[in-house]
């Protein structure tokens, strides 16, 4: 498999506006759906559900349903999902640097 094909496959699995954000929030601990949704206030319930289903289908997230009333559903990263940790942390750091650079440029331009 060539490099372009590998990058394309990776983006197929983790691409989209919300998948990487959900994965990032799941790095440190399992979360219930509403906990995750509160951390991502701009995502709709439907979109988050779809993104989590795709991440589960692709083997990055595990969904556990506890047989209690009301139902308790928890999401956690799988071992494969945890392999994304270095990349997600690098994306976080890059985002911070990028935001700082944009702010500096806007201040200079003002």
Protein backbone atom coordinates (compact mmCIF):
# COMPACT_ATOMS: atom_id res chain seq x y z
CA UNK A 1 0.00 0.00 0.00
CA UNK A 2 1.49 3.35 -0.94
CA UNK A 3 1.67 6.39 1.31
CA UNK A 4 -1.18 8.31 -0.30
CA UNK A 5 -3.43 5.29 0.02
CA UNK A 6 -2.44 4.93 3.71
CA UNK A 7 -3.21 8.57 4.46
CA UNK A 8 -6.52 8.25 2.67
CA UNK A 9 -7.42 5.15 4.69
CA UNK A 10 -6.49 6.86 7.96
CA UNK A 11 -8.64 9.87 7.09
CA UNK A 12 -11.51 7.57 6.12
CA UNK A 13 -11.43 6.13 9.63
CA UNK A 14 -10.80 9.23 11.77
CA UNK A 15 -11.77 12.04 9.39
CA UNK A 16 -14.80 14.21 9.79
CA UNK A 17 -15.40 17.09 12.10
CA UNK A 18 -16.25 15.15 15.25
CA UNK A 19 -14.47 11.79 15.25
CA UNK A 20 -11.06 13.09 16.29
CA UNK A 21 -12.62 15.31 18.94
CA UNK A 22 -14.52 12.35 20.41
CA UNK A 23 -11.39 10.21 20.32
CA UNK A 24 -9.42 12.96 22.07
CA UNK A 25 -11.97 13.19 24.89
CA UNK A 26 -11.90 9.42 25.34
CA UNK A 27 -8.10 9.30 25.72
CA UNK A 28 -8.05 9.40 29.52
CA UNK A 29 -11.18 7.57 30.58
CA UNK A 30 -14.42 5.97 29.49
CA UNK A 31 -17.32 8.38 29.15
CA UNK A 32 -21.06 8.11 29.02
CA UNK A 33 -22.78 9.54 25.96
CA UNK A 34 -24.07 12.67 27.71
CA UNK A 35 -20.69 13.35 29.31
CA UNK A 36 -19.09 13.24 25.89
CA UNK A 37 -21.83 15.39 24.39
CA UNK A 38 -21.33 18.06 27.07
CA UNK A 39 -17.66 18.20 26.12
CA UNK A 40 -18.69 18.76 22.50
CA UNK A 41 -21.54 21.30 22.74
CA UNK A 42 -21.62 22.10 19.01
CA UNK A 43 -22.31 18.53 17.88
CA UNK A 44 -25.88 17.31 17.53
CA UNK A 45 -26.99 14.17 19.32
CA UNK A 46 -27.65 12.46 15.99
CA UNK A 47 -24.22 13.34 14.57
CA UNK A 48 -22.38 12.21 17.70
CA UNK A 49 -24.31 8.93 17.66
CA UNK A 50 -23.39 8.37 13.99
CA UNK A 51 -19.73 9.21 14.55
CA UNK A 52 -19.48 6.91 17.58
CA UNK A 53 -21.12 4.07 15.65
CA UNK A 54 -18.57 4.48 12.85
CA UNK A 55 -15.69 4.56 15.33
CA UNK A 56 -17.09 1.42 16.95
CA UNK A 57 -17.50 -0.28 13.57
CA UNK A 58 -13.89 0.57 12.71
CA UNK A 59 -12.59 -0.90 15.98
CA UNK A 60 -11.44 2.32 17.65
CA UNK A 61 -14.20 2.66 20.26
CA UNK A 62 -15.90 0.07 22.39
CA UNK A 63 -19.50 0.62 23.47
CA UNK A 64 -20.56 -1.12 26.68
CA UNK A 65 -24.21 -1.29 27.76
CA UNK A 66 -24.78 -1.99 31.45
CA UNK A 67 -28.04 -3.78 32.23
CA UNK A 68 -29.50 -1.25 34.65
CA UNK A 69 -32.53 1.03 34.58
CA UNK A 70 -32.14 3.54 33.07
CA UNK A 71 -29.64 2.00 30.64
CA UNK A 72 -26.03 3.00 31.25
CA UNK A 73 -23.90 3.13 28.09
CA UNK A 74 -20.20 3.85 28.23
CA UNK A 75 -17.67 4.49 25.46
CA UNK A 76 -13.96 3.77 25.73
CA UNK A 77 -11.04 3.51 23.36
CA UNK A 78 -9.99 0.06 22.26
CA UNK A 79 -6.32 -0.95 22.18
CA UNK A 80 -6.30 0.12 18.53
CA UNK A 81 -7.94 3.42 19.43
CA UNK A 82 -5.26 4.07 22.05
CA UNK A 83 -2.58 3.86 19.35
CA UNK A 84 -3.92 7.22 18.13
CA UNK A 85 -2.93 8.96 21.38
CA UNK A 86 0.41 10.42 20.17
CA UNK A 87 -1.19 11.76 17.00
CA UNK A 88 -4.18 13.25 18.83
CA UNK A 89 -1.90 14.97 21.35
CA UNK A 90 0.22 16.33 18.51
CA UNK A 91 -2.94 17.65 16.80
CA UNK A 92 -3.95 19.32 20.07
CA UNK A 93 -0.53 20.96 20.39
CA UNK A 94 -0.51 22.03 16.75
CA UNK A 95 -3.99 23.53 17.15
CA UNK A 96 -2.82 25.57 20.13
CA UNK A 97 0.23 26.87 18.24
CA UNK A 98 -1.86 27.64 15.17
CA UNK A 99 -4.45 29.54 17.21
CA UNK A 100 -1.68 31.54 18.92
CA UNK A 101 -0.09 32.36 15.55
CA UNK A 102 -3.42 33.53 14.13
CA UNK A 103 -4.01 35.77 17.14
CA UNK A 104 -0.50 37.25 16.80
CA UNK A 105 -1.08 37.92 13.08
CA UNK A 106 -4.42 39.62 13.76
CA UNK A 107 -2.85 41.81 16.45
CA UNK A 108 -0.05 42.83 14.06
CA UNK A 109 -2.57 43.59 11.30
CA UNK A 110 -4.74 45.76 13.58
